């Protein structure tokens, strides 16, 4: 990575907290179903490309497609850990 480049990842859950947004309000702003937001955050659903684009646009690029994939993977791993416990 070059010295002048920076990489700033932001999870959707962190974005919602930082901007004091409920899942329902964010879904409304992004033009997606609130159940989609919940599935991404709680169940690790990997959103479709158009959903990723809407989320990225609604967050003005603060949450990228890559960030969503990372968050979905983490949610799935946490769900598996809870099931195993």
C-alpha atoms as a PDB file:
ATOM      1  CA  UNK A   1       0.000   0.000   0.000  1.00  0.00           C
ATOM      2  CA  UNK A   2       1.321   3.405  -0.875  1.00  0.00           C
ATOM      3  CA  UNK A   3       2.103   5.948   1.801  1.00  0.00           C
ATOM      4  CA  UNK A   4      -0.533   8.424   0.623  1.00  0.00           C
ATOM      5  CA  UNK A   5      -3.325   5.839   0.283  1.00  0.00           C
ATOM      6  CA  UNK A   6      -5.691   5.196   3.116  1.00  0.00           C
ATOM      7  CA  UNK A   7      -8.249   2.479   3.615  1.00  0.00           C
ATOM      8  CA  UNK A   8     -11.183   3.181   5.847  1.00  0.00           C
ATOM      9  CA  UNK A   9     -13.631   0.363   6.341  1.00  0.00           C
ATOM     10  CA  UNK A  10     -16.940   0.983   8.018  1.00  0.00           C
ATOM     11  CA  UNK A  11     -19.504  -1.597   8.949  1.00  0.00           C
ATOM     12  CA  UNK A  12     -23.115  -0.804   8.269  1.00  0.00           C
ATOM     13  CA  UNK A  13     -23.899  -1.338  11.945  1.00  0.00           C
ATOM     14  CA  UNK A  14     -21.242   1.232  12.897  1.00  0.00           C
ATOM     15  CA  UNK A  15     -22.594   3.661  10.317  1.00  0.00           C
ATOM     16  CA  UNK A  16     -26.096   3.383  11.748  1.00  0.00           C
ATOM     17  CA  UNK A  17     -24.783   4.020  15.256  1.00  0.00           C
ATOM     18  CA  UNK A  18     -22.557   6.925  14.196  1.00  0.00           C
ATOM     19  CA  UNK A  19     -25.457   8.615  12.422  1.00  0.00           C
ATOM     20  CA  UNK A  20     -28.122   7.720  15.000  1.00  0.00           C
ATOM     21  CA  UNK A  21     -30.196   5.887  12.412  1.00  0.00           C
ATOM     22  CA  UNK A  22     -32.595   3.052  13.030  1.00  0.00           C
ATOM     23  CA  UNK A  23     -32.553   0.141  10.642  1.00  0.00           C
ATOM     24  CA  UNK A  24     -36.001   1.110   9.394  1.00  0.00           C
ATOM     25  CA  UNK A  25     -35.020   4.748   8.748  1.00  0.00           C
ATOM     26  CA  UNK A  26     -31.828   3.736   6.959  1.00  0.00           C
ATOM     27  CA  UNK A  27     -33.736   1.246   4.815  1.00  0.00           C
ATOM     28  CA  UNK A  28     -36.133   4.022   3.858  1.00  0.00           C
ATOM     29  CA  UNK A  29     -33.249   6.349   2.938  1.00  0.00           C
ATOM     30  CA  UNK A  30     -31.526   3.634   0.896  1.00  0.00           C
ATOM     31  CA  UNK A  31     -34.709   2.502  -0.817  1.00  0.00           C
ATOM     32  CA  UNK A  32     -34.494  -1.073   0.452  1.00  0.00           C
ATOM     33  CA  UNK A  33     -36.657  -3.202   2.721  1.00  0.00           C
ATOM     34  CA  UNK A  34     -35.966  -2.937   6.452  1.00  0.00           C
ATOM     35  CA  UNK A  35     -35.949  -6.746   6.541  1.00  0.00           C
ATOM     36  CA  UNK A  36     -33.003  -6.665   4.141  1.00  0.00           C
ATOM     37  CA  UNK A  37     -31.032  -4.501   6.561  1.00  0.00           C
ATOM     38  CA  UNK A  38     -31.879  -6.876   9.411  1.00  0.00           C
ATOM     39  CA  UNK A  39     -30.879  -9.922   7.380  1.00  0.00           C
ATOM     40  CA  UNK A  40     -27.543  -8.337   6.524  1.00  0.00           C
ATOM     41  CA  UNK A  41     -26.816  -7.383  10.131  1.00  0.00           C
ATOM     42  CA  UNK A  42     -28.296 -10.349  11.984  1.00  0.00           C
ATOM     43  CA  UNK A  43     -28.072 -13.300   9.622  1.00  0.00           C
ATOM     44  CA  UNK A  44     -25.053 -12.472   7.507  1.00  0.00           C
ATOM     45  CA  UNK A  45     -26.994 -12.246   4.273  1.00  0.00           C
ATOM     46  CA  UNK A  46     -24.789 -11.157   1.403  1.00  0.00           C
ATOM     47  CA  UNK A  47     -26.738  -8.430  -0.376  1.00  0.00           C
ATOM     48  CA  UNK A  48     -27.284  -8.378  -4.127  1.00  0.00           C
ATOM     49  CA  UNK A  49     -25.128  -5.993  -6.123  1.00  0.00           C
ATOM     50  CA  UNK A  50     -27.942  -3.456  -6.580  1.00  0.00           C
ATOM     51  CA  UNK A  51     -28.571  -3.477  -2.825  1.00  0.00           C
ATOM     52  CA  UNK A  52     -24.862  -2.937  -2.168  1.00  0.00           C
ATOM     53  CA  UNK A  53     -24.922   0.004  -4.558  1.00  0.00           C
ATOM     54  CA  UNK A  54     -27.944   1.529  -2.835  1.00  0.00           C
ATOM     55  CA  UNK A  55     -26.309   1.166   0.571  1.00  0.00           C
ATOM     56  CA  UNK A  56     -23.066   2.663  -0.683  1.00  0.00           C
ATOM     57  CA  UNK A  57     -24.942   5.582  -2.242  1.00  0.00           C
ATOM     58  CA  UNK A  58     -27.027   6.148   0.900  1.00  0.00           C
ATOM     59  CA  UNK A  59     -23.863   6.224   3.030  1.00  0.00           C
ATOM     60  CA  UNK A  60     -22.036   8.414   0.498  1.00  0.00           C
ATOM     61  CA  UNK A  61     -19.436   5.700   0.092  1.00  0.00           C
ATOM     62  CA  UNK A  62     -18.711   5.297   3.801  1.00  0.00           C
ATOM     63  CA  UNK A  63     -19.927   1.682   3.612  1.00  0.00           C
ATOM     64  CA  UNK A  64     -18.617  -0.125   0.533  1.00  0.00           C
ATOM     65  CA  UNK A  65     -19.544  -3.437  -1.046  1.00  0.00           C
ATOM     66  CA  UNK A  66     -16.411  -4.919   0.515  1.00  0.00           C
ATOM     67  CA  UNK A  67     -17.435  -3.642   3.942  1.00  0.00           C
ATOM     68  CA  UNK A  68     -20.828  -5.339   3.529  1.00  0.00           C
ATOM     69  CA  UNK A  69     -19.196  -8.641   2.594  1.00  0.00           C
ATOM     70  CA  UNK A  70     -16.929  -8.487   5.632  1.00  0.00           C
ATOM     71  CA  UNK A  71     -19.850  -7.677   7.921  1.00  0.00           C
ATOM     72  CA  UNK A  72     -21.952 -10.510   6.466  1.00  0.00           C
ATOM     73  CA  UNK A  73     -19.111 -12.976   6.987  1.00  0.00           C
ATOM     74  CA  UNK A  74     -18.637 -11.853  10.585  1.00  0.00           C
ATOM     75  CA  UNK A  75     -22.371 -12.162  11.284  1.00  0.00           C
ATOM     76  CA  UNK A  76     -22.409 -15.703   9.885  1.00  0.00           C
ATOM     77  CA  UNK A  77     -19.402 -16.716  11.961  1.00  0.00           C
ATOM     78  CA  UNK A  78     -20.985 -15.286  15.109  1.00  0.00           C
ATOM     79  CA  UNK A  79     -24.229 -17.134  14.401  1.00  0.00           C
ATOM     80  CA  UNK A  80     -22.310 -20.408  14.016  1.00  0.00           C
ATOM     81  CA  UNK A  81     -20.479 -19.817  17.283  1.00  0.00           C
ATOM     82  CA  UNK A  82     -23.785 -19.207  19.060  1.00  0.00           C
ATOM     83  CA  UNK A  83     -25.274 -22.364  17.555  1.00  0.00           C
ATOM     84  CA  UNK A  84     -22.263 -24.395  18.678  1.00  0.00           C
ATOM     85  CA  UNK A  85     -22.415 -23.065  22.248  1.00  0.00           C
END
